PDB file of all heavy atoms in Angstrom:
ATOM      1  N   TYR A   1      -9.018  -2.119  -1.565  1.00  0.00           N
ATOM      2  CA  TYR A   1      -7.923  -3.007  -1.212  1.00  0.00           C
ATOM      3  C   TYR A   1      -8.130  -4.392  -1.805  1.00  0.00           C
ATOM      4  O   TYR A   1      -9.253  -4.877  -1.914  1.00  0.00           O
ATOM      5  CB  TYR A   1      -7.800  -3.179   0.303  1.00  0.00           C
ATOM      6  CG  TYR A   1      -7.438  -1.924   1.056  1.00  0.00           C
ATOM      7  CD1 TYR A   1      -8.428  -1.086   1.563  1.00  0.00           C
ATOM      8  CD2 TYR A   1      -6.109  -1.587   1.282  1.00  0.00           C
ATOM      9  CE1 TYR A   1      -8.103   0.057   2.262  1.00  0.00           C
ATOM     10  CE2 TYR A   1      -5.779  -0.441   1.980  1.00  0.00           C
ATOM     11  CZ  TYR A   1      -6.776   0.379   2.469  1.00  0.00           C
ATOM     12  OH  TYR A   1      -6.443   1.515   3.169  1.00  0.00           O
ATOM     13  N   ALA A   2      -7.030  -5.027  -2.145  1.00  0.00           N
ATOM     14  CA  ALA A   2      -7.075  -6.432  -2.479  1.00  0.00           C
ATOM     15  C   ALA A   2      -7.438  -7.231  -1.234  1.00  0.00           C
ATOM     16  O   ALA A   2      -7.047  -6.872  -0.116  1.00  0.00           O
ATOM     17  CB  ALA A   2      -5.736  -6.907  -3.025  1.00  0.00           C
ATOM     18  N   ASP A   3      -8.185  -8.318  -1.411  1.00  0.00           N
ATOM     19  CA  ASP A   3      -8.595  -9.128  -0.264  1.00  0.00           C
ATOM     20  C   ASP A   3      -7.402  -9.631   0.540  1.00  0.00           C
ATOM     21  O   ASP A   3      -7.474  -9.757   1.765  1.00  0.00           O
ATOM     22  CB  ASP A   3      -9.437 -10.316  -0.732  1.00  0.00           C
ATOM     23  CG  ASP A   3     -10.821  -9.905  -1.197  1.00  0.00           C
ATOM     24  OD1 ASP A   3     -11.279  -8.804  -0.848  1.00  0.00           O
ATOM     25  OD2 ASP A   3     -11.461 -10.696  -1.911  1.00  0.00           O
ATOM     26  N   SER A   4      -6.300  -9.902  -0.130  1.00  0.00           N
ATOM     27  CA  SER A   4      -5.137 -10.471   0.527  1.00  0.00           C
ATOM     28  C   SER A   4      -4.450  -9.520   1.499  1.00  0.00           C
ATOM     29  O   SER A   4      -3.661  -9.961   2.336  1.00  0.00           O
ATOM     30  CB  SER A   4      -4.122 -10.952  -0.519  1.00  0.00           C
ATOM     31  OG  SER A   4      -3.708  -9.885  -1.336  1.00  0.00           O
ATOM     32  N   VAL A   5      -4.736  -8.215   1.396  1.00  0.00           N
ATOM     33  CA  VAL A   5      -4.068  -7.248   2.263  1.00  0.00           C
ATOM     34  C   VAL A   5      -5.025  -6.505   3.178  1.00  0.00           C
ATOM     35  O   VAL A   5      -4.579  -5.707   4.016  1.00  0.00           O
ATOM     36  CB  VAL A   5      -3.248  -6.224   1.446  1.00  0.00           C
ATOM     37  CG1 VAL A   5      -2.283  -6.941   0.511  1.00  0.00           C
ATOM     38  CG2 VAL A   5      -4.158  -5.287   0.669  1.00  0.00           C
ATOM     39  N   LYS A   6      -6.317  -6.753   3.064  1.00  0.00           N
ATOM     40  CA  LYS A   6      -7.291  -6.081   3.908  1.00  0.00           C
ATOM     41  C   LYS A   6      -7.015  -6.363   5.379  1.00  0.00           C
ATOM     42  O   LYS A   6      -6.772  -7.496   5.772  1.00  0.00           O
ATOM     43  CB  LYS A   6      -8.715  -6.522   3.555  1.00  0.00           C
ATOM     44  CG  LYS A   6      -9.243  -5.935   2.262  1.00  0.00           C
ATOM     45  CD  LYS A   6     -10.665  -6.406   1.981  1.00  0.00           C
ATOM     46  CE  LYS A   6     -11.194  -5.810   0.689  1.00  0.00           C
ATOM     47  NZ  LYS A   6     -12.551  -6.312   0.356  1.00  0.00           N
ATOM     48  N   GLY A   7      -7.047  -5.316   6.168  1.00  0.00           N
ATOM     49  CA  GLY A   7      -6.782  -5.448   7.590  1.00  0.00           C
ATOM     50  C   GLY A   7      -5.324  -5.352   7.957  1.00  0.00           C
ATOM     51  O   GLY A   7      -4.994  -5.221   9.137  1.00  0.00           O
ATOM     52  N   ARG A   8      -4.435  -5.435   6.976  1.00  0.00           N
ATOM     53  CA  ARG A   8      -3.000  -5.362   7.229  1.00  0.00           C
ATOM     54  C   ARG A   8      -2.348  -4.129   6.615  1.00  0.00           C
ATOM     55  O   ARG A   8      -1.429  -3.557   7.188  1.00  0.00           O
ATOM     56  CB  ARG A   8      -2.296  -6.613   6.692  1.00  0.00           C
ATOM     57  CG  ARG A   8      -2.769  -7.913   7.329  1.00  0.00           C
ATOM     58  CD  ARG A   8      -1.900  -9.091   6.907  1.00  0.00           C
ATOM     59  NE  ARG A   8      -1.944  -9.324   5.458  1.00  0.00           N
ATOM     60  CZ  ARG A   8      -0.890  -9.269   4.651  1.00  0.00           C
ATOM     61  NH1 ARG A   8       0.313  -8.989   5.148  1.00  0.00           N
ATOM     62  NH2 ARG A   8      -1.021  -9.503   3.350  1.00  0.00           N
ATOM     63  N   PHE A   9      -2.819  -3.732   5.439  1.00  0.00           N
ATOM     64  CA  PHE A   9      -2.252  -2.591   4.738  1.00  0.00           C
ATOM     65  C   PHE A   9      -3.214  -1.416   4.793  1.00  0.00           C
ATOM     66  O   PHE A   9      -4.440  -1.602   4.777  1.00  0.00           O
ATOM     67  CB  PHE A   9      -1.987  -2.913   3.268  1.00  0.00           C
ATOM     68  CG  PHE A   9      -0.885  -3.905   3.005  1.00  0.00           C
ATOM     69  CD1 PHE A   9      -0.278  -4.610   4.038  1.00  0.00           C
ATOM     70  CD2 PHE A   9      -0.446  -4.121   1.710  1.00  0.00           C
ATOM     71  CE1 PHE A   9       0.732  -5.527   3.798  1.00  0.00           C
ATOM     72  CE2 PHE A   9       0.569  -5.025   1.449  1.00  0.00           C
ATOM     73  CZ  PHE A   9       1.160  -5.736   2.483  1.00  0.00           C
ATOM     74  N   THR A  10      -2.677  -0.207   4.809  1.00  0.00           N
ATOM     75  CA  THR A  10      -3.475   1.001   4.780  1.00  0.00           C
ATOM     76  C   THR A  10      -2.894   1.972   3.767  1.00  0.00           C
ATOM     77  O   THR A  10      -1.713   2.315   3.842  1.00  0.00           O
ATOM     78  CB  THR A  10      -3.536   1.677   6.151  1.00  0.00           C
ATOM     79  OG1 THR A  10      -4.071   0.771   7.121  1.00  0.00           O
ATOM     80  CG2 THR A  10      -4.426   2.918   6.090  1.00  0.00           C
ATOM     81  N   ILE A  11      -3.718   2.418   2.827  1.00  0.00           N
ATOM     82  CA  ILE A  11      -3.289   3.407   1.855  1.00  0.00           C
ATOM     83  C   ILE A  11      -3.787   4.776   2.283  1.00  0.00           C
ATOM     84  O   ILE A  11      -4.899   4.913   2.801  1.00  0.00           O
ATOM     85  CB  ILE A  11      -3.775   3.057   0.429  1.00  0.00           C
ATOM     86  CG1 ILE A  11      -3.116   3.976  -0.608  1.00  0.00           C
ATOM     87  CG2 ILE A  11      -5.295   3.114   0.334  1.00  0.00           C
ATOM     88  CD1 ILE A  11      -3.353   3.528  -2.054  1.00  0.00           C
ATOM     89  N   SER A  12      -2.977   5.780   2.096  1.00  0.00           N
ATOM     90  CA  SER A  12      -3.352   7.147   2.415  1.00  0.00           C
ATOM     91  C   SER A  12      -2.660   8.085   1.449  1.00  0.00           C
ATOM     92  O   SER A  12      -1.754   7.679   0.718  1.00  0.00           O
ATOM     93  CB  SER A  12      -2.993   7.500   3.868  1.00  0.00           C
ATOM     94  OG  SER A  12      -1.591   7.396   4.074  1.00  0.00           O
ATOM     95  N   SER A  13      -3.082   9.333   1.426  1.00  0.00           N
ATOM     96  CA  SER A  13      -2.490  10.284   0.500  1.00  0.00           C
ATOM     97  C   SER A  13      -2.471  11.682   1.092  1.00  0.00           C
ATOM     98  O   SER A  13      -3.254  12.007   1.990  1.00  0.00           O
ATOM     99  CB  SER A  13      -3.247  10.301  -0.828  1.00  0.00           C
ATOM    100  OG  SER A  13      -4.583  10.729  -0.648  1.00  0.00           O
ATOM    101  N   ASP A  14      -1.565  12.465   0.592  1.00  0.00           N
ATOM    102  CA  ASP A  14      -1.482  13.879   0.915  1.00  0.00           C
ATOM    103  C   ASP A  14      -1.607  14.607  -0.413  1.00  0.00           C
ATOM    104  O   ASP A  14      -0.640  14.694  -1.171  1.00  0.00           O
ATOM    105  CB  ASP A  14      -0.161  14.207   1.608  1.00  0.00           C
ATOM    106  CG  ASP A  14      -0.070  15.661   2.042  1.00  0.00           C
ATOM    107  OD1 ASP A  14      -0.749  16.519   1.449  1.00  0.00           O
ATOM    108  OD2 ASP A  14       0.689  15.948   2.989  1.00  0.00           O
ATOM    109  N   ASN A  15      -2.794  15.109  -0.694  1.00  0.00           N
ATOM    110  CA  ASN A  15      -3.046  15.725  -1.988  1.00  0.00           C
ATOM    111  C   ASN A  15      -2.229  16.998  -2.199  1.00  0.00           C
ATOM    112  O   ASN A  15      -1.877  17.331  -3.330  1.00  0.00           O
ATOM    113  CB  ASN A  15      -4.538  16.035  -2.146  1.00  0.00           C
ATOM    114  CG  ASN A  15      -5.393  14.786  -2.242  1.00  0.00           C
ATOM    115  OD1 ASN A  15      -4.914  13.727  -2.655  1.00  0.00           O
ATOM    116  ND2 ASN A  15      -6.654  14.907  -1.858  1.00  0.00           N
ATOM    117  N   THR A  16      -1.925  17.684  -1.112  1.00  0.00           N
ATOM    118  CA  THR A  16      -1.117  18.888  -1.218  1.00  0.00           C
ATOM    119  C   THR A  16       0.282  18.582  -1.734  1.00  0.00           C
ATOM    120  O   THR A  16       0.862  19.350  -2.509  1.00  0.00           O
ATOM    121  CB  THR A  16      -1.038  19.611   0.134  1.00  0.00           C
ATOM    122  OG1 THR A  16      -2.348  19.955   0.567  1.00  0.00           O
ATOM    123  CG2 THR A  16      -0.204  20.869   0.019  1.00  0.00           C
ATOM    124  N   LYS A  17       0.821  17.441  -1.316  1.00  0.00           N
ATOM    125  CA  LYS A  17       2.170  17.034  -1.710  1.00  0.00           C
ATOM    126  C   LYS A  17       2.183  16.041  -2.867  1.00  0.00           C
ATOM    127  O   LYS A  17       3.257  15.568  -3.254  1.00  0.00           O
ATOM    128  CB  LYS A  17       2.910  16.443  -0.512  1.00  0.00           C
ATOM    129  CG  LYS A  17       3.103  17.427   0.634  1.00  0.00           C
ATOM    130  CD  LYS A  17       4.122  16.924   1.651  1.00  0.00           C
ATOM    131  CE  LYS A  17       3.634  15.704   2.381  1.00  0.00           C
ATOM    132  NZ  LYS A  17       4.583  15.305   3.476  1.00  0.00           N
ATOM    133  N   ASN A  18       0.999  15.709  -3.408  1.00  0.00           N
ATOM    134  CA  ASN A  18       0.895  14.727  -4.490  1.00  0.00           C
ATOM    135  C   ASN A  18       1.625  13.435  -4.133  1.00  0.00           C
ATOM    136  O   ASN A  18       2.374  12.875  -4.940  1.00  0.00           O
ATOM    137  CB  ASN A  18       1.437  15.306  -5.803  1.00  0.00           C
ATOM    138  CG  ASN A  18       0.538  16.379  -6.382  1.00  0.00           C
ATOM    139  OD1 ASN A  18      -0.671  16.398  -6.150  1.00  0.00           O
ATOM    140  ND2 ASN A  18       1.124  17.287  -7.155  1.00  0.00           N
ATOM    141  N   THR A  19       1.381  12.968  -2.936  1.00  0.00           N
ATOM    142  CA  THR A  19       2.078  11.806  -2.417  1.00  0.00           C
ATOM    143  C   THR A  19       1.088  10.764  -1.899  1.00  0.00           C
ATOM    144  O   THR A  19       0.094  11.116  -1.264  1.00  0.00           O
ATOM    145  CB  THR A  19       3.041  12.213  -1.284  1.00  0.00           C
ATOM    146  OG1 THR A  19       4.006  13.139  -1.794  1.00  0.00           O
ATOM    147  CG2 THR A  19       3.765  10.998  -0.726  1.00  0.00           C
ATOM    148  N   VAL A  20       1.381   9.507  -2.177  1.00  0.00           N
ATOM    149  CA  VAL A  20       0.584   8.394  -1.670  1.00  0.00           C
ATOM    150  C   VAL A  20       1.479   7.513  -0.808  1.00  0.00           C
ATOM    151  O   VAL A  20       2.673   7.369  -1.083  1.00  0.00           O
ATOM    152  CB  VAL A  20      -0.055   7.590  -2.825  1.00  0.00           C
ATOM    153  CG1 VAL A  20       1.005   6.926  -3.690  1.00  0.00           C
ATOM    154  CG2 VAL A  20      -1.042   6.565  -2.279  1.00  0.00           C
ATOM    155  N   TYR A  21       0.893   6.935   0.235  1.00  0.00           N
ATOM    156  CA  TYR A  21       1.624   6.086   1.163  1.00  0.00           C
ATOM    157  C   TYR A  21       0.950   4.720   1.254  1.00  0.00           C
ATOM    158  O   TYR A  21      -0.250   4.587   1.062  1.00  0.00           O
ATOM    159  CB  TYR A  21       1.670   6.702   2.563  1.00  0.00           C
ATOM    160  CG  TYR A  21       2.184   8.119   2.596  1.00  0.00           C
ATOM    161  CD1 TYR A  21       1.305   9.198   2.539  1.00  0.00           C
ATOM    162  CD2 TYR A  21       3.543   8.381   2.695  1.00  0.00           C
ATOM    163  CE1 TYR A  21       1.769  10.501   2.566  1.00  0.00           C
ATOM    164  CE2 TYR A  21       4.015   9.680   2.719  1.00  0.00           C
ATOM    165  CZ  TYR A  21       3.130  10.736   2.662  1.00  0.00           C
ATOM    166  OH  TYR A  21       3.603  12.028   2.691  1.00  0.00           O
ATOM    167  N   LEU A  22       1.742   3.726   1.568  1.00  0.00           N
ATOM    168  CA  LEU A  22       1.212   2.398   1.848  1.00  0.00           C
ATOM    169  C   LEU A  22       1.854   1.904   3.136  1.00  0.00           C
ATOM    170  O   LEU A  22       3.046   1.571   3.152  1.00  0.00           O
ATOM    171  CB  LEU A  22       1.493   1.428   0.704  1.00  0.00           C
ATOM    172  CG  LEU A  22       0.861   0.045   0.856  1.00  0.00           C
ATOM    173  CD1 LEU A  22      -0.659   0.137   0.767  1.00  0.00           C
ATOM    174  CD2 LEU A  22       1.396  -0.921  -0.202  1.00  0.00           C
ATOM    175  N   GLN A  23       1.077   1.873   4.207  1.00  0.00           N
ATOM    176  CA  GLN A  23       1.537   1.325   5.472  1.00  0.00           C
ATOM    177  C   GLN A  23       1.261  -0.172   5.468  1.00  0.00           C
ATOM    178  O   GLN A  23       0.115  -0.594   5.383  1.00  0.00           O
ATOM    179  CB  GLN A  23       0.827   1.985   6.643  1.00  0.00           C
ATOM    180  CG  GLN A  23       1.235   1.461   8.008  1.00  0.00           C
ATOM    181  CD  GLN A  23       2.678   1.753   8.338  1.00  0.00           C
ATOM    182  OE1 GLN A  23       3.141   2.881   8.171  1.00  0.00           O
ATOM    183  NE2 GLN A  23       3.407   0.745   8.805  1.00  0.00           N
ATOM    184  N   MET A  24       2.307  -0.967   5.571  1.00  0.00           N
ATOM    185  CA  MET A  24       2.197  -2.417   5.510  1.00  0.00           C
ATOM    186  C   MET A  24       2.557  -3.001   6.873  1.00  0.00           C
ATOM    187  O   MET A  24       3.691  -2.861   7.328  1.00  0.00           O
ATOM    188  CB  MET A  24       3.112  -2.986   4.424  1.00  0.00           C
ATOM    189  CG  MET A  24       2.856  -2.400   3.042  1.00  0.00           C
ATOM    190  SD  MET A  24       3.849  -3.187   1.744  1.00  0.00           S
ATOM    191  CE  MET A  24       5.485  -2.618   2.224  1.00  0.00           C
ATOM    192  N   ASN A  25       1.588  -3.642   7.503  1.00  0.00           N
ATOM    193  CA  ASN A  25       1.787  -4.275   8.801  1.00  0.00           C
ATOM    194  C   ASN A  25       1.571  -5.774   8.689  1.00  0.00           C
ATOM    195  O   ASN A  25       0.978  -6.261   7.733  1.00  0.00           O
ATOM    196  CB  ASN A  25       0.823  -3.681   9.835  1.00  0.00           C
ATOM    197  CG  ASN A  25       1.031  -2.207  10.069  1.00  0.00           C
ATOM    198  OD1 ASN A  25       2.147  -1.708  10.040  1.00  0.00           O
ATOM    199  ND2 ASN A  25      -0.070  -1.498  10.331  1.00  0.00           N
ATOM    200  N   SER A  26       2.038  -6.504   9.698  1.00  0.00           N
ATOM    201  CA  SER A  26       1.883  -7.953   9.733  1.00  0.00           C
ATOM    202  C   SER A  26       2.310  -8.594   8.425  1.00  0.00           C
ATOM    203  O   SER A  26       1.615  -9.432   7.852  1.00  0.00           O
ATOM    204  CB  SER A  26       0.434  -8.327  10.068  1.00  0.00           C
ATOM    205  OG  SER A  26       0.033  -7.772  11.298  1.00  0.00           O
ATOM    206  N   LEU A  27       3.470  -8.208   7.947  1.00  0.00           N
ATOM    207  CA  LEU A  27       3.939  -8.668   6.648  1.00  0.00           C
ATOM    208  C   LEU A  27       4.196 -10.165   6.631  1.00  0.00           C
ATOM    209  O   LEU A  27       4.662 -10.744   7.619  1.00  0.00           O
ATOM    210  CB  LEU A  27       5.200  -7.910   6.249  1.00  0.00           C
ATOM    211  CG  LEU A  27       4.945  -6.486   5.746  1.00  0.00           C
ATOM    212  CD1 LEU A  27       6.221  -5.652   5.785  1.00  0.00           C
ATOM    213  CD2 LEU A  27       4.388  -6.528   4.324  1.00  0.00           C
ATOM    214  N   LYS A  28       3.891 -10.771   5.501  1.00  0.00           N
ATOM    215  CA  LYS A  28       4.050 -12.194   5.284  1.00  0.00           C
ATOM    216  C   LYS A  28       5.032 -12.431   4.140  1.00  0.00           C
ATOM    217  O   LYS A  28       5.200 -11.570   3.284  1.00  0.00           O
ATOM    218  CB  LYS A  28       2.704 -12.837   4.928  1.00  0.00           C
ATOM    219  CG  LYS A  28       1.592 -12.591   5.935  1.00  0.00           C
ATOM    220  CD  LYS A  28       0.276 -13.142   5.415  1.00  0.00           C
ATOM    221  CE  LYS A  28      -0.849 -12.900   6.399  1.00  0.00           C
ATOM    222  NZ  LYS A  28      -2.146 -13.414   5.895  1.00  0.00           N
ATOM    223  N   PRO A  29       5.669 -13.597   4.097  1.00  0.00           N
ATOM    224  CA  PRO A  29       6.574 -13.880   2.977  1.00  0.00           C
ATOM    225  C   PRO A  29       5.902 -13.735   1.611  1.00  0.00           C
ATOM    226  O   PRO A  29       6.563 -13.326   0.647  1.00  0.00           O
ATOM    227  CB  PRO A  29       7.003 -15.333   3.233  1.00  0.00           C
ATOM    228  CG  PRO A  29       6.927 -15.470   4.713  1.00  0.00           C
ATOM    229  CD  PRO A  29       5.722 -14.649   5.118  1.00  0.00           C
ATOM    230  N   GLU A  30       4.618 -14.045   1.520  1.00  0.00           N
ATOM    231  CA  GLU A  30       3.914 -13.923   0.256  1.00  0.00           C
ATOM    232  C   GLU A  30       3.691 -12.479  -0.174  1.00  0.00           C
ATOM    233  O   GLU A  30       3.221 -12.230  -1.292  1.00  0.00           O
ATOM    234  CB  GLU A  30       2.573 -14.673   0.287  1.00  0.00           C
ATOM    235  CG  GLU A  30       1.723 -14.362   1.500  1.00  0.00           C
ATOM    236  CD  GLU A  30       1.863 -15.403   2.606  1.00  0.00           C
ATOM    237  OE1 GLU A  30       3.005 -15.788   2.919  1.00  0.00           O
ATOM    238  OE2 GLU A  30       0.823 -15.842   3.144  1.00  0.00           O
ATOM    239  N   ASP A  31       4.000 -11.519   0.692  1.00  0.00           N
ATOM    240  CA  ASP A  31       3.955 -10.114   0.305  1.00  0.00           C
ATOM    241  C   ASP A  31       5.202  -9.696  -0.464  1.00  0.00           C
ATOM    242  O   ASP A  31       5.256  -8.578  -0.987  1.00  0.00           O
ATOM    243  CB  ASP A  31       3.808  -9.217   1.538  1.00  0.00           C
ATOM    244  CG  ASP A  31       2.480  -9.411   2.246  1.00  0.00           C
ATOM    245  OD1 ASP A  31       1.442  -9.523   1.561  1.00  0.00           O
ATOM    246  OD2 ASP A  31       2.476  -9.431   3.495  1.00  0.00           O
ATOM    247  N   THR A  32       6.194 -10.550  -0.519  1.00  0.00           N
ATOM    248  CA  THR A  32       7.424 -10.237  -1.236  1.00  0.00           C
ATOM    249  C   THR A  32       7.138  -9.988  -2.710  1.00  0.00           C
ATOM    250  O   THR A  32       6.526 -10.823  -3.387  1.00  0.00           O
ATOM    251  CB  THR A  32       8.436 -11.379  -1.090  1.00  0.00           C
ATOM    252  OG1 THR A  32       8.816 -11.508   0.282  1.00  0.00           O
ATOM    253  CG2 THR A  32       9.685 -11.107  -1.920  1.00  0.00           C
ATOM    254  N   ALA A  33       7.557  -8.834  -3.209  1.00  0.00           N
ATOM    255  CA  ALA A  33       7.294  -8.454  -4.589  1.00  0.00           C
ATOM    256  C   ALA A  33       7.955  -7.113  -4.874  1.00  0.00           C
ATOM    257  O   ALA A  33       8.458  -6.446  -3.967  1.00  0.00           O
ATOM    258  CB  ALA A  33       5.788  -8.346  -4.846  1.00  0.00           C
ATOM    259  N   ILE A  34       7.944  -6.738  -6.133  1.00  0.00           N
ATOM    260  CA  ILE A  34       8.270  -5.372  -6.488  1.00  0.00           C
ATOM    261  C   ILE A  34       6.972  -4.584  -6.432  1.00  0.00           C
ATOM    262  O   ILE A  34       5.981  -4.966  -7.058  1.00  0.00           O
ATOM    263  CB  ILE A  34       8.895  -5.259  -7.894  1.00  0.00           C
ATOM    264  CG1 ILE A  34      10.199  -6.063  -7.951  1.00  0.00           C
ATOM    265  CG2 ILE A  34       9.160  -3.807  -8.246  1.00  0.00           C
ATOM    266  CD1 ILE A  34      10.828  -6.098  -9.335  1.00  0.00           C
ATOM    267  N   TYR A  35       6.976  -3.501  -5.689  1.00  0.00           N
ATOM    268  CA  TYR A  35       5.795  -2.671  -5.525  1.00  0.00           C
ATOM    269  C   TYR A  35       5.914  -1.445  -6.416  1.00  0.00           C
ATOM    270  O   TYR A  35       6.916  -0.726  -6.376  1.00  0.00           O
ATOM    271  CB  TYR A  35       5.622  -2.260  -4.065  1.00  0.00           C
ATOM    272  CG  TYR A  35       5.078  -3.381  -3.208  1.00  0.00           C
ATOM    273  CD1 TYR A  35       5.853  -4.494  -2.914  1.00  0.00           C
ATOM    274  CD2 TYR A  35       3.773  -3.334  -2.717  1.00  0.00           C
ATOM    275  CE1 TYR A  35       5.347  -5.538  -2.153  1.00  0.00           C
ATOM    276  CE2 TYR A  35       3.260  -4.361  -1.949  1.00  0.00           C
ATOM    277  CZ  TYR A  35       4.047  -5.467  -1.667  1.00  0.00           C
ATOM    278  OH  TYR A  35       3.544  -6.488  -0.907  1.00  0.00           O
ATOM    279  N   TYR A  36       4.873  -1.201  -7.210  1.00  0.00           N
ATOM    280  CA  TYR A  36       4.854  -0.107  -8.156  1.00  0.00           C
ATOM    281  C   TYR A  36       3.788   0.914  -7.783  1.00  0.00           C
ATOM    282  O   TYR A  36       2.650   0.552  -7.476  1.00  0.00           O
ATOM    283  CB  TYR A  36       4.553  -0.609  -9.573  1.00  0.00           C
ATOM    284  CG  TYR A  36       5.628  -1.496 -10.162  1.00  0.00           C
ATOM    285  CD1 TYR A  36       5.576  -2.868 -10.013  1.00  0.00           C
ATOM    286  CD2 TYR A  36       6.688  -0.944 -10.888  1.00  0.00           C
ATOM    287  CE1 TYR A  36       6.555  -3.688 -10.558  1.00  0.00           C
ATOM    288  CE2 TYR A  36       7.659  -1.755 -11.431  1.00  0.00           C
ATOM    289  CZ  TYR A  36       7.591  -3.131 -11.275  1.00  0.00           C
ATOM    290  OH  TYR A  36       8.558  -3.941 -11.818  1.00  0.00           O
ATOM    291  N   CYS A  37       4.150   2.159  -7.858  1.00  0.00           N
ATOM    292  CA  CYS A  37       3.218   3.256  -7.665  1.00  0.00           C
ATOM    293  C   CYS A  37       2.537   3.583  -8.991  1.00  0.00           C
ATOM    294  O   CYS A  37       3.159   3.510 -10.056  1.00  0.00           O
ATOM    295  CB  CYS A  37       3.956   4.480  -7.127  1.00  0.00           C
ATOM    296  SG  CYS A  37       2.926   5.931  -6.862  1.00  0.00           S
ATOM    297  N   ASN A  38       1.278   3.940  -8.925  1.00  0.00           N
ATOM    298  CA  ASN A  38       0.475   4.263 -10.097  1.00  0.00           C
ATOM    299  C   ASN A  38      -0.332   5.525  -9.810  1.00  0.00           C
ATOM    300  O   ASN A  38      -0.793   5.725  -8.686  1.00  0.00           O
ATOM    301  CB  ASN A  38      -0.447   3.079 -10.419  1.00  0.00           C
ATOM    302  CG  ASN A  38      -1.568   3.421 -11.375  1.00  0.00           C
ATOM    303  OD1 ASN A  38      -2.587   3.980 -10.965  1.00  0.00           O
ATOM    304  ND2 ASN A  38      -1.395   3.067 -12.636  1.00  0.00           N
ATOM    305  N   ALA A  39      -0.492   6.366 -10.827  1.00  0.00           N
ATOM    306  CA  ALA A  39      -1.289   7.563 -10.651  1.00  0.00           C
ATOM    307  C   ALA A  39      -2.030   7.918 -11.927  1.00  0.00           C
ATOM    308  O   ALA A  39      -1.486   7.775 -13.027  1.00  0.00           O
ATOM    309  CB  ALA A  39      -0.418   8.744 -10.220  1.00  0.00           C
ATOM    310  N   GLN A  40      -3.266   8.346 -11.761  1.00  0.00           N
ATOM    311  CA  GLN A  40      -4.067   8.849 -12.860  1.00  0.00           C
ATOM    312  C   GLN A  40      -3.966  10.370 -12.798  1.00  0.00           C
ATOM    313  O   GLN A  40      -4.534  11.000 -11.912  1.00  0.00           O
ATOM    314  CB  GLN A  40      -5.512   8.378 -12.727  1.00  0.00           C
ATOM    315  CG  GLN A  40      -6.401   8.717 -13.900  1.00  0.00           C
ATOM    316  CD  GLN A  40      -7.779   8.077 -13.759  1.00  0.00           C
ATOM    317  OE1 GLN A  40      -7.959   7.096 -13.035  1.00  0.00           O
ATOM    318  NE2 GLN A  40      -8.756   8.624 -14.449  1.00  0.00           N
TER     319      GLN A  40
END
């Protein structure tokens, strides 16, 4: 995790469904952005 989101965001995945999730809590105005998914 980036230091700026530690303790607030949680990443998880379901390998069977090839899906990744990002649970974002305690959101701040500085979290405003376009969020992009990436996969290797």
